[in-house]
Each structure stands twice: as structure tokens, then as C-alpha cells.
Protein backbone atom coordinates (compact mmCIF):
# COMPACT_ATOMS: atom_id res chain seq x y z
CA MET A 1 -0.33 0.13 -0.05
CA THR A 2 1.10 3.92 -0.64
CA THR A 3 1.30 6.36 2.22
CA ILE A 4 -2.13 7.95 3.11
CA ASP A 5 -2.65 9.71 6.23
CA LYS A 6 -3.34 7.18 8.90
CA LEU A 7 -6.55 8.32 10.05
CA SER A 8 -8.37 6.62 6.68
CA ARG A 9 -6.12 3.56 6.81
CA ARG A 10 -4.92 2.32 9.49
CA GLY A 11 -6.73 4.72 12.03
CA PHE A 12 -9.88 2.86 10.62
CA LEU A 13 -9.99 0.84 13.29
CA GLY A 14 -9.09 2.40 17.06
CA ALA A 15 -9.03 -0.65 19.04
CA GLY A 16 -6.21 -2.84 19.67
CA THR A 17 -5.88 -6.13 21.70
CA ALA A 18 -6.80 -5.06 24.91
CA ALA A 19 -9.62 -3.39 24.04
CA ALA A 20 -11.28 -5.74 21.66
CA ALA A 21 -13.69 -7.73 23.74
CA ALA A 22 -15.21 -4.32 23.81
CA VAL A 23 -15.08 -3.28 20.81
CA LEU A 24 -17.18 -6.95 19.95
CA ALA A 25 -19.74 -6.13 22.37
CA ARG A 26 -20.35 -2.91 20.65
CA ALA A 27 -21.34 -4.55 17.65
CA ASN A 28 -23.59 -6.62 19.09
CA THR A 29 -25.83 -2.94 18.78
CA LEU A 30 -27.45 -4.14 15.65
CA SER A 31 -30.72 -5.99 15.89
CA ALA A 32 -31.30 -9.53 14.47
CA ASP A 33 -33.55 -7.48 12.20
CA GLN A 34 -30.71 -4.91 10.90
CA ASN A 35 -28.72 -7.71 10.35
CA PRO A 36 -29.02 -11.66 10.60
CA THR A 37 -25.45 -12.34 11.68
CA ALA A 38 -26.24 -10.54 14.91
CA ASP A 39 -27.39 -13.29 16.42
CA SER A 40 -24.05 -14.82 16.31
CA ARG A 41 -22.42 -11.69 18.02
CA CYS A 42 -24.62 -11.48 21.05
CA ASN A 43 -23.32 -11.49 24.38
CA GLY A 44 -19.88 -10.63 23.25
CA THR A 45 -19.83 -13.78 21.17
CA PRO A 46 -18.20 -13.71 17.99
CA PRO A 47 -18.73 -16.25 14.99
CA PRO A 48 -18.07 -19.58 14.80
CA ALA A 49 -15.15 -19.17 12.17
CA ILE A 50 -13.68 -16.29 14.52
CA SER A 51 -13.82 -18.43 17.34
CA ALA A 52 -12.25 -20.89 15.63
CA LEU A 53 -8.89 -18.88 15.01
CA PRO A 54 -5.72 -20.31 16.21
CA VAL A 55 -3.84 -18.96 19.14
CA LEU A 56 -0.43 -17.97 17.57
CA SER A 57 1.02 -15.11 20.06
CA SER A 58 3.09 -18.31 21.54
CA LEU A 59 4.83 -18.83 18.66
CA ALA A 60 6.18 -15.44 18.42
CA ARG A 61 10.44 -15.09 19.92
CA PRO A 62 11.44 -12.48 21.06
CA PHE A 63 14.88 -10.67 20.58
CA THR A 64 17.31 -10.76 22.57
CA ASN A 65 20.32 -8.09 23.59
CA GLY A 66 22.47 -9.90 22.15
CA GLU A 67 20.37 -9.94 18.11
CA ARG A 68 20.94 -6.14 18.71
CA LEU A 69 24.71 -5.90 19.44
CA ALA A 70 25.62 -8.11 16.10
CA ARG A 71 23.11 -4.99 14.32
CA ILE A 72 25.21 -2.55 16.35
CA GLU A 73 28.65 -3.72 15.20
CA ARG A 74 27.21 -4.19 11.45
CA ALA A 75 26.04 -0.35 11.98
CA LYS A 76 29.94 0.62 13.14
CA ALA A 77 30.99 -1.51 9.89
CA ARG A 78 28.61 0.95 7.81
CA MET A 79 29.58 4.03 9.51
CA VAL A 80 33.48 3.30 8.62
CA ALA A 81 32.45 2.84 5.09
CA ALA A 82 30.13 5.72 4.61
CA LYS A 83 33.13 7.66 6.51
CA ILE A 84 30.52 8.92 9.05
CA ASP A 85 32.05 9.14 12.27
CA VAL A 86 28.39 8.68 14.84
CA VAL A 87 25.12 8.26 14.10
CA VAL A 88 22.49 10.17 16.60
CA LEU A 89 18.37 8.68 16.73
CA ALA A 90 16.18 10.72 18.24
CA ASN A 91 12.11 10.58 18.54
CA ASN A 92 10.22 7.94 18.61
CA THR A 93 11.45 5.99 15.57
CA ALA A 94 12.20 2.29 14.55
CA SER A 95 15.61 2.57 14.06
CA SER A 96 16.25 3.81 17.98
CA VAL A 97 14.13 -0.19 18.75
CA TYR A 98 15.89 -1.48 16.17
CA PHE A 99 19.65 -0.90 17.56
CA ALA A 100 18.95 -0.29 21.47
CA ASN A 101 15.77 -1.62 22.17
CA LEU A 102 14.59 2.19 23.18
CA ARG A 103 11.70 4.71 22.14
CA LEU A 104 12.85 8.24 22.78
CA ASN A 105 10.03 9.46 23.16
CA GLY A 106 10.01 13.28 24.86
CA GLY A 107 8.00 15.08 22.54
CA GLU A 108 9.60 18.30 22.27
CA ARG A 109 12.34 17.93 25.04
CA LEU A 110 15.42 16.55 23.31
CA TRP A 111 15.85 12.34 23.87
CA ALA A 112 19.09 11.45 21.52
CA LEU A 113 21.00 8.44 21.27
CA ALA A 114 24.06 9.25 20.04
CA ILE A 115 26.29 5.41 18.48
CA PRO A 116 30.05 6.41 17.41
CA ALA A 117 32.01 3.99 15.42
CA ARG A 118 34.50 3.69 17.84
CA ALA A 119 33.74 4.99 20.95
CA ARG A 120 31.41 4.61 23.84
CA PRO A 121 27.79 5.19 23.23
CA PHE A 122 25.62 7.93 24.88
CA LEU A 123 22.28 8.86 25.76
CA VAL A 124 20.97 12.82 25.74
CA CYS A 125 18.08 13.09 27.79
CA PRO A 126 16.60 15.85 30.25
CA ALA A 127 17.68 15.96 33.71
CA PHE A 128 14.96 14.95 35.16
CA GLU A 129 14.32 11.83 33.14
CA GLU A 130 17.98 10.24 34.31
CA GLY A 131 16.06 7.64 36.37
CA ARG A 132 13.71 6.65 33.68
CA ALA A 133 17.31 6.98 30.97
CA ARG A 134 18.65 4.38 32.81
CA GLU A 135 16.08 2.13 33.45
CA LEU A 136 15.45 2.08 29.64
CA LEU A 137 19.15 1.63 29.00
CA ASP A 138 20.18 -1.65 31.64
CA ALA A 139 16.52 -2.60 29.44
CA GLY A 140 18.32 -2.97 26.50
CA PRO A 141 22.01 -3.78 24.59
CA PHE A 142 23.79 -0.76 26.28
CA ALA A 143 22.81 -1.00 30.06
CA ASN A 144 27.06 -1.35 31.05
CA ASP A 145 28.40 0.41 28.19
CA ALA A 146 26.09 4.14 27.74
CA GLU A 147 26.13 7.23 29.58
CA VAL A 148 23.99 9.22 30.66
CA ILE A 149 24.40 12.89 29.52
CA VAL A 150 21.35 15.36 30.73
CA TRP A 151 20.48 18.61 30.32
CA GLN A 152 18.57 21.03 32.63
CA GLU A 153 14.92 22.84 31.61
CA ASP A 154 17.09 26.27 31.04
CA GLU A 155 19.81 24.55 29.72
CA SER A 156 20.25 24.06 25.91
CA PRO A 157 19.95 19.98 24.82
CA TYR A 158 21.79 20.60 22.14
CA ALA A 159 25.01 21.46 23.23
CA ALA A 160 25.30 18.78 25.98
CA LEU A 161 24.56 16.22 22.46
CA GLY A 162 27.73 18.31 21.50
CA ASN A 163 29.71 18.42 24.21
CA GLY A 164 29.28 14.22 24.34
CA LEU A 165 30.82 14.30 21.32
CA LYS A 166 33.97 16.28 22.02
CA ASP A 167 34.45 14.21 25.10
CA ARG A 168 34.36 11.33 22.45
CA GLY A 169 37.02 13.13 20.25
CA LEU A 170 34.14 13.85 17.79
CA ALA A 171 34.95 18.04 18.14
CA THR A 172 34.65 18.41 14.30
CA GLY A 173 33.31 14.96 13.01
CA THR A 174 30.78 14.01 10.83
CA ILE A 175 27.28 12.85 12.27
CA GLY A 176 24.76 11.38 10.54
CA LEU A 177 21.04 11.96 11.62
CA ASP A 178 18.12 10.22 11.27
CA GLU A 179 16.43 11.13 8.55
CA ASN A 180 13.06 10.76 10.95
CA MET A 181 14.52 13.61 13.46
CA LYS A 182 12.25 16.33 13.67
CA PHE A 183 13.61 19.24 11.65
CA VAL A 184 13.64 21.92 15.34
CA PHE A 185 16.10 18.83 16.95
CA SER A 186 17.91 18.82 13.57
CA GLU A 187 18.80 22.22 13.33
CA GLY A 188 18.54 22.80 17.44
CA ILE A 189 22.30 20.87 16.24
CA ARG A 190 22.78 22.44 13.45
CA ALA A 191 23.02 25.39 15.00
CA ALA A 192 24.58 24.96 18.40
CA ASN A 193 27.93 22.91 16.69
CA PRO A 194 28.63 24.65 13.39
CA HIS A 195 31.83 22.71 13.47
CA LEU A 196 30.53 19.72 13.03
CA ALA A 197 29.87 18.17 10.06
CA ILE A 198 25.97 16.64 9.44
CA VAL A 199 24.70 13.89 6.77
CA SER A 200 21.58 11.47 6.69
CA ALA A 201 22.43 9.03 9.01
CA THR A 202 19.78 6.56 6.23
CA PRO A 203 23.26 4.90 5.25
CA VAL A 204 23.73 3.33 7.81
CA THR A 205 19.98 2.65 9.01
CA ALA A 206 18.33 1.41 6.15
CA GLY A 207 21.09 -0.33 5.21
CA CYS A 208 21.23 -2.19 8.54
CA ARG A 209 17.17 -2.53 8.70
CA MET A 210 16.88 -2.83 4.47
CA ILE A 211 18.32 -6.75 5.28
CA LYS A 212 16.05 -8.60 7.78
CA ASP A 213 17.93 -11.80 9.10
CA ALA A 214 16.46 -15.38 10.05
CA HIS A 215 14.61 -13.98 13.30
CA GLU A 216 13.08 -11.10 11.41
CA ILE A 217 11.91 -13.00 8.33
CA GLU A 218 10.51 -15.75 11.21
CA CYS A 219 8.36 -12.81 12.79
CA MET A 220 7.44 -11.30 9.05
CA ARG A 221 6.07 -14.92 7.86
CA LEU A 222 4.12 -15.20 11.51
CA ALA A 223 2.57 -11.45 10.89
CA CYS A 224 1.40 -12.91 7.77
CA ARG A 225 0.16 -16.12 8.05
CA ALA A 226 -2.24 -14.91 11.31
CA THR A 227 -3.66 -11.71 8.87
CA LEU A 228 -4.21 -14.21 6.26
CA LEU A 229 -5.87 -16.12 8.72
CA VAL A 230 -8.06 -13.19 10.19
CA TYR A 231 -8.75 -12.49 6.88
CA LYS A 232 -10.22 -15.74 5.96
CA ALA A 233 -12.59 -16.00 9.10
CA VAL A 234 -13.87 -12.46 8.52
CA ALA A 235 -14.34 -12.85 5.03
CA ALA A 236 -16.26 -16.12 6.30
CA SER A 237 -18.40 -14.11 8.89
CA LEU A 238 -19.84 -11.30 6.00
CA THR A 239 -23.15 -11.17 5.11
CA PRO A 240 -25.47 -8.89 3.10
CA GLY A 241 -26.53 -5.27 5.33
CA MET A 242 -23.06 -5.62 7.59
CA THR A 243 -21.62 -2.25 7.67
CA THR A 244 -17.69 -1.19 7.28
CA SER A 245 -17.93 -0.31 10.87
CA ASP A 246 -19.12 -4.08 11.43
CA VAL A 247 -16.56 -5.44 9.75
CA HIS A 248 -14.26 -3.57 11.30
CA LYS A 249 -15.51 -4.53 14.61
CA LEU A 250 -14.82 -8.44 13.27
CA VAL A 251 -11.56 -8.00 12.33
CA SER A 252 -10.63 -6.53 15.98
CA ALA A 253 -11.93 -9.52 17.62
CA ALA A 254 -10.12 -11.70 15.40
CA TYR A 255 -6.96 -10.39 15.86
CA ALA A 256 -7.77 -10.75 19.39
CA ARG A 257 -8.15 -13.96 19.36
CA VAL A 258 -4.70 -14.55 17.63
CA GLY A 259 -3.17 -13.04 20.21
CA PHE A 260 -1.49 -9.87 17.96
CA GLU A 261 -1.93 -6.39 17.24
CA GLY A 262 -3.85 -5.65 13.72
CA GLU A 263 -5.90 -3.29 11.52
CA ALA A 264 -7.63 -3.81 8.84
CA SER A 265 -9.52 -1.04 6.41
CA LEU A 266 -12.51 -2.44 4.18
CA ASN A 267 -13.68 -0.53 0.98
CA VAL A 268 -16.86 -2.03 -0.84
CA ASP A 269 -18.18 -1.44 -4.34
CA GLU A 270 -16.91 2.10 -6.31
CA PHE A 271 -14.76 2.63 -3.21
CA THR A 272 -12.56 0.08 -4.01
CA ALA A 273 -12.19 2.00 -7.83
CA LEU A 274 -9.74 4.45 -4.53
CA PRO A 275 -6.40 2.84 -3.49
CA HIS A 276 -6.76 3.21 -0.09
CA GLY A 277 -10.87 3.98 -0.11
CA SER A 278 -12.84 6.80 1.76
CA ARG A 279 -14.13 7.39 5.19
CA GLN A 280 -17.87 7.19 3.86
CA PRO A 281 -20.05 4.44 5.58
CA GLN A 282 -20.57 1.48 2.90
CA THR A 283 -22.82 -1.18 2.78
CA LEU A 284 -22.30 -4.73 1.66
CA ARG A 285 -24.77 -6.00 -0.60
CA GLU A 286 -24.89 -9.29 -2.52
CA GLY A 287 -22.70 -9.08 -5.27
CA SER A 288 -20.41 -6.40 -3.55
CA ILE A 289 -16.49 -6.63 -4.38
CA LEU A 290 -14.52 -6.13 -1.13
CA MET A 291 -11.46 -4.79 -0.77
CA LEU A 292 -9.31 -5.57 2.67
CA ASP A 293 -6.39 -4.29 3.41
CA ASP A 294 -3.22 -3.84 6.52
CA GLY A 295 -1.90 -6.23 8.99
CA CYS A 296 -0.59 -6.78 12.45
CA GLU A 297 2.65 -6.95 14.20
CA VAL A 298 5.22 -8.98 15.52
CA GLU A 299 7.90 -8.58 17.73
CA GLY A 300 7.90 -5.03 16.07
CA TYR A 301 7.69 -6.62 12.69
CA THR A 302 4.43 -6.02 10.41
CA SER A 303 2.45 -7.89 8.11
CA ASP A 304 0.85 -6.05 4.40
CA ILE A 305 -1.32 -7.70 3.05
CA THR A 306 -4.80 -7.04 0.23
CA ARG A 307 -7.01 -9.26 -0.17
CA THR A 308 -9.46 -8.73 -3.33
CA PHE A 309 -12.74 -10.74 -3.07
CA VAL A 310 -16.57 -10.94 -4.62
CA LEU A 311 -19.09 -11.09 -1.98
CA GLY A 312 -21.66 -13.96 -4.15
CA LYS A 313 -20.49 -14.18 -8.04
CA PRO A 314 -17.94 -11.78 -9.91
CA ALA A 315 -19.18 -9.74 -13.17
CA GLU A 316 -16.95 -11.35 -16.04
CA LYS A 317 -15.22 -7.94 -15.89
CA MET A 318 -13.61 -8.60 -12.65
CA ASN A 319 -12.79 -12.12 -13.24
CA ARG A 320 -10.44 -10.91 -16.39
CA VAL A 321 -9.43 -7.62 -14.10
CA PHE A 322 -8.51 -10.42 -11.38
CA ASP A 323 -6.60 -12.69 -13.87
CA LEU A 324 -4.34 -9.68 -15.10
CA VAL A 325 -3.29 -8.23 -11.77
CA LYS A 326 -2.44 -11.84 -10.48
CA GLN A 327 -0.68 -12.01 -13.91
CA ALA A 328 0.87 -8.74 -12.78
CA GLN A 329 1.92 -9.76 -9.36
CA SER A 330 3.92 -13.38 -10.83
CA ALA A 331 5.72 -11.05 -13.51
CA ALA A 332 7.09 -9.25 -10.19
CA ILE A 333 7.77 -12.39 -8.27
CA HIS A 334 9.74 -13.49 -11.37
CA ALA A 335 11.62 -10.84 -12.17
CA ALA A 336 12.51 -9.75 -8.19
CA ARG A 337 16.28 -11.34 -7.78
CA PRO A 338 19.01 -10.36 -6.33
CA GLY A 339 21.13 -7.84 -8.08
CA ALA A 340 17.77 -6.67 -10.28
CA PRO A 341 17.31 -2.84 -10.14
CA ALA A 342 14.02 -2.38 -7.83
CA ALA A 343 12.43 0.09 -11.09
CA ASP A 344 12.82 -2.93 -13.60
CA VAL A 345 10.19 -5.01 -10.91
CA ASP A 346 7.55 -2.24 -10.74
CA ALA A 347 8.38 -2.07 -15.14
CA ALA A 348 7.60 -5.28 -14.70
CA ALA A 349 4.07 -5.72 -13.37
CA ARG A 350 3.17 -2.48 -15.40
CA LYS A 351 3.58 -3.67 -18.51
CA VAL A 352 1.77 -6.60 -17.66
CA ILE A 353 -0.90 -4.07 -16.63
CA ALA A 354 -0.77 -1.66 -19.93
CA ASN A 355 -0.36 -4.62 -22.49
CA GLY A 356 -3.86 -5.94 -20.97
CA GLY A 357 -5.15 -2.97 -22.02
CA TYR A 358 -5.35 -0.86 -18.47
CA GLY A 359 -2.11 1.58 -19.08
CA PRO A 360 -0.34 3.82 -20.39
CA GLY A 361 2.11 4.49 -17.23
CA PHE A 362 -0.17 4.95 -14.21
CA THR A 363 -3.29 5.45 -15.75
CA TYR A 364 -5.10 2.68 -14.01
CA PHE A 365 -2.12 1.30 -11.80
CA THR A 366 -1.86 4.53 -10.17
CA HIS A 367 0.65 3.65 -7.52
CA ARG A 368 3.91 2.35 -7.61
CA LEU A 369 4.17 -1.81 -7.37
CA GLY A 370 5.56 -1.48 -3.39
CA HIS A 371 8.08 -0.59 -0.87
CA GLY A 372 9.79 -2.32 2.33
CA ILE A 373 8.18 -3.76 5.06
CA GLY A 374 9.99 -4.47 8.48
CA LEU A 375 9.23 -2.40 12.13
CA ASP A 376 8.05 -0.15 9.70
CA MET A 377 5.07 -1.08 7.61
CA HIS A 378 6.66 1.32 4.59
CA GLU A 379 10.11 1.50 4.52
CA TRP A 380 13.28 1.31 2.15
CA PRO A 381 13.50 0.22 -0.48
CA TYR A 382 10.51 1.01 -3.16
CA PHE A 383 9.39 -0.47 -6.78
CA VAL A 384 9.67 2.77 -8.46
CA LYS A 385 11.76 4.20 -10.85
CA ASN A 386 12.91 7.30 -9.94
CA ASN A 387 12.81 6.37 -6.31
CA MET A 388 11.82 9.61 -3.74
CA PHE A 389 12.26 8.18 -0.88
CA GLY A 390 15.82 7.22 0.35
CA TRP A 391 19.49 7.87 -0.44
CA ASP A 392 19.82 6.09 -3.18
CA LEU A 393 17.60 6.58 -6.35
CA ASN A 394 18.06 3.65 -8.22
CA PRO A 395 17.96 0.60 -5.87
CA ARG A 396 19.06 -2.95 -6.19
CA LEU A 397 17.45 -5.44 -4.55
CA GLU A 398 19.57 -7.26 -2.00
CA ALA A 399 19.20 -11.11 -0.07
CA GLY A 400 17.30 -10.46 2.85
CA MET A 401 14.96 -7.61 1.80
CA VAL A 402 11.23 -7.54 2.11
CA LEU A 403 8.98 -5.40 -0.08
CA SER A 404 5.24 -5.23 -1.06
CA ASP A 405 4.30 -6.92 -4.29
CA GLU A 406 0.82 -5.20 -5.18
CA PRO A 407 -0.27 -4.05 -8.27
CA GLY A 408 -3.72 -2.49 -8.93
CA ILE A 409 -6.22 -1.60 -11.38
CA TYR A 410 -8.52 0.88 -10.56
CA ILE A 411 -11.17 1.86 -12.75
CA ARG A 412 -13.23 5.15 -10.96
CA GLY A 413 -16.78 4.58 -10.58
CA GLU A 414 -16.53 0.94 -11.20
CA PHE A 415 -14.36 -1.20 -9.07
CA GLY A 416 -11.15 -1.84 -8.29
CA ILE A 417 -8.51 -4.73 -8.06
CA ARG A 418 -5.32 -5.31 -6.07
CA LEU A 419 -3.39 -8.26 -4.79
CA GLU A 420 -0.90 -7.67 -2.28
CA ASP A 421 1.53 -10.00 -1.05
CA ASP A 422 4.58 -10.04 1.02
CA LEU A 423 8.06 -10.40 -1.65
CA LEU A 424 11.13 -11.97 0.39
CA ILE A 425 13.85 -11.60 -1.53
CA THR A 426 16.23 -14.90 -1.80
CA GLU A 427 19.35 -15.97 -2.82
CA SER A 428 18.62 -17.02 -6.14
CA GLY A 429 15.38 -15.03 -6.25
CA SER A 430 12.16 -14.45 -4.98
CA GLU A 431 9.11 -15.69 -2.86
CA LEU A 432 5.65 -14.65 -0.96
CA LEU A 433 5.56 -15.09 2.37
CA THR A 434 1.96 -15.52 1.11
CA PRO A 435 0.66 -18.25 -0.67
CA GLN A 436 -1.42 -15.89 -3.95
CA CYS A 437 -4.98 -14.95 -4.28
CA PRO A 438 -6.63 -18.07 -5.95
CA SER A 439 -9.85 -16.25 -7.10
CA LEU A 440 -12.38 -13.67 -6.75
CA GLU A 441 -14.60 -16.08 -5.24
CA ASP A 442 -12.77 -18.31 -3.56
CA PRO A 443 -9.57 -16.35 -2.18
CA PHE A 444 -8.21 -17.65 0.78
CA GLY A 445 -9.26 -21.49 -0.54
CA ASN A 446 -5.66 -22.16 -0.19
CA VAL A 447 -5.00 -20.40 3.56
CA ALA A 448 -4.63 -23.34 5.71
């Protein structure tokens, strides 16, 4: 899926696993006269397909500090290669979690983790937060190593960061800043430390995070499995007359059952022709075409899957478009391999759709083929020509990368079809982490 504001896409569901029981109870406000499936949800009881879902959360393995230390060593090697003396992470970003199991959430106050290539790491935080900072560090890989440098409310946190670097012999070094750092923080660091050369840390942070190891892939496979099982159970519970709100409650209950935080947006009929749909209330009818999109998290690692299917029998045109989209997805799988430019994979899928009469370019296939997936649902690299979302405009694929493979055809005023699965780049080619969708009528026939 492509970027969209969280309220309209990921924010369709406000309830997480802990609140799912309350959400499901609210679904019972529909009477049996309004919806024939309401009886199955009375007293908070989910439909049979959801009740039958397996609990999967026990299969997830937490990441260890040993694994994080290995990531830090890889980052230091990349820093040396990129001639970056220190990487500074701030804000509540996935990179600080990836390397140090730290969520640097200080609001307008700077919390910053500095990881030098050849010196002791340190954390900058407000003085009144020192106790909490040390507690957080104690749970991570820097428990016995990182120094805590504090600043009072009337002092400059940016000067404190500079002093920490100076103490490590980096008074005139090159500092790499996380690309997601707040502008006020990056400019504050720059203004208080004019003697430092400031560059992007993305070659280091993305360079490490793009390549998933076996444990990360294991988490993503489990997230993908959970998502498809949830989609299958929800699809089996749908009936005409339900609204998108009803379906969102079923999704929340299903994720609560498997044991992971997840959500899904649903769009119906003509709204499926908008890649990320609409906020407008929508009601399912016999013969409606439906698009379920989003995923869940396992140990922080996300899935991102879309299934388009019909509540009843699809029209002939829908089947033709589905077959074309599936061919495009398959073309991307065949084109994706180590060393291939990411742009070429997008081009392979786009060519199938254009040759099928839905071109040229972005006319009906209106977005890029896909995006990297990991701790962020959208991260590097991206299946698109002239990639503007990273430091490399024309990245090549490497084994261990995971990206979405999500071609679509969107016919405004009629319907849209997108198939999205998560694609792992292997040593010799690529593979989907989930089975391809068989058809509009039986989208989950190969999901066990």
C-alpha cells in the first residue's frame, strides 16, 4: 500500500487487542432484524469462524540484546564505510528500537541516542528524566556501556550532545542524523555545533534494516500467516447488510483471538477504485466487491496484505481484471532477484497491466508496485522508478529484503482490484511469504 494519512487508512480501527472484547460487544447494537448475523455476536460471542482461529502469539520469539549488539556492529562497519563518525537517533522511531530497544519519546524535549563508530555510546535526556533513562538503558544492549548526559530545562540539549561528542574526540567529526528526526532537533544540533559536518544517517540505518535476518523473517512470516487467517475468518463471517463498521469490529475480534495487534480497512464496490478507499460509510450487498487491506505486528515486525474478493458471484469484467492483476503480481515475482534494480520489478508488473489494456503508465495502475516492510510498514527500498524516498534513487535488490508486491487496477466509478503479498528476496530469486490469492470467489481456498 502507498502512503496515506493514518486516520483514513490505519486509523479505521481504534481498538487494539486489549480493547477487542469491548469493541465486539458494541457490535451487538445491530438487531437480528437489521443483520441476520447479529445473533452470533450476542453477549460478545464472535462468529464461529473467528472463534475457531488459533492462538498464535505463543509462536513469537522476542529479540535478544545479543541480536541487537550484532546489529550495532554491522552499523559501525557501515559508518566506517560511509565515513560517518557517529549516528544520532531521536524521536520515537523504529531505528532506536531496532538497535537499542529504546523508544525515545520526549515530545518537545530532546532525547537522543548517539552511537559512535569507535567510541562509547551515550544518551542525552532531560535531567529530571535521568532515572527513567537509566531504567530504559538497563533493559537494552547498552546496559553496561552507555553514558547518560543530562541537560537542565534552562540549558541547551544540543550543546549537551556536542559536549558528549567532544569528550569522545569528535569535536569536528561527521554526524549522521536519522531521517525521521524532528526539524527543530536537527536544526538545533546544527546551530549549536557549527564545527560538525552533518549528513543523513540513512545509509547506515536503512543499510542495516533493509536486510532482514532469519529471526526477522520468521516474525514477518508469522505476521503474514496471522493476517491471512484473520481475513479468511472475517470473510466467512460476512453477510449482506453489514457495514464497514461492523466488519472492522470483526477484524478487531479476530486479531484479539490470534493474539496480535492488527487492523484492516475495508472498502466496498465503487470505493475499491480508490487505492485507499474512503471514510464514507459503506454497506455490503450481494455481489459487492470488497477490498481488505493492512496487517498486524509480531515483535514489532509488520505484515501488509490486501485481498479483493466478491460477496457472491463476480462479474465477468471483474474476473478478467483479477486475472490481469494476478499475472502482474507473478511477473514481479519472476523479475525480483538479487542484483535486479527495484525499478525493473515495477516495470515488469506495469508492462503486464498496460499490455492488458489498462495503460499507459499510471493510468489505471496508479501507484508504485510496492515498498519495503519491516519494523515500519513502509520503509526502504521501494519498487518504483526514480525512487524519491531514500538516499539511493535506483536501488538494487539484495537477499533478505522484504517488500510488498501489490499491483492493482482501479476503474473509477466501477471497482478496483489489488492483490498484495509480502515478497522476500532470496539468494536465487524471490518468494511470497503468503500463497497467492486463487480467485475473487475463493480468495482463501489455499489458506490453512
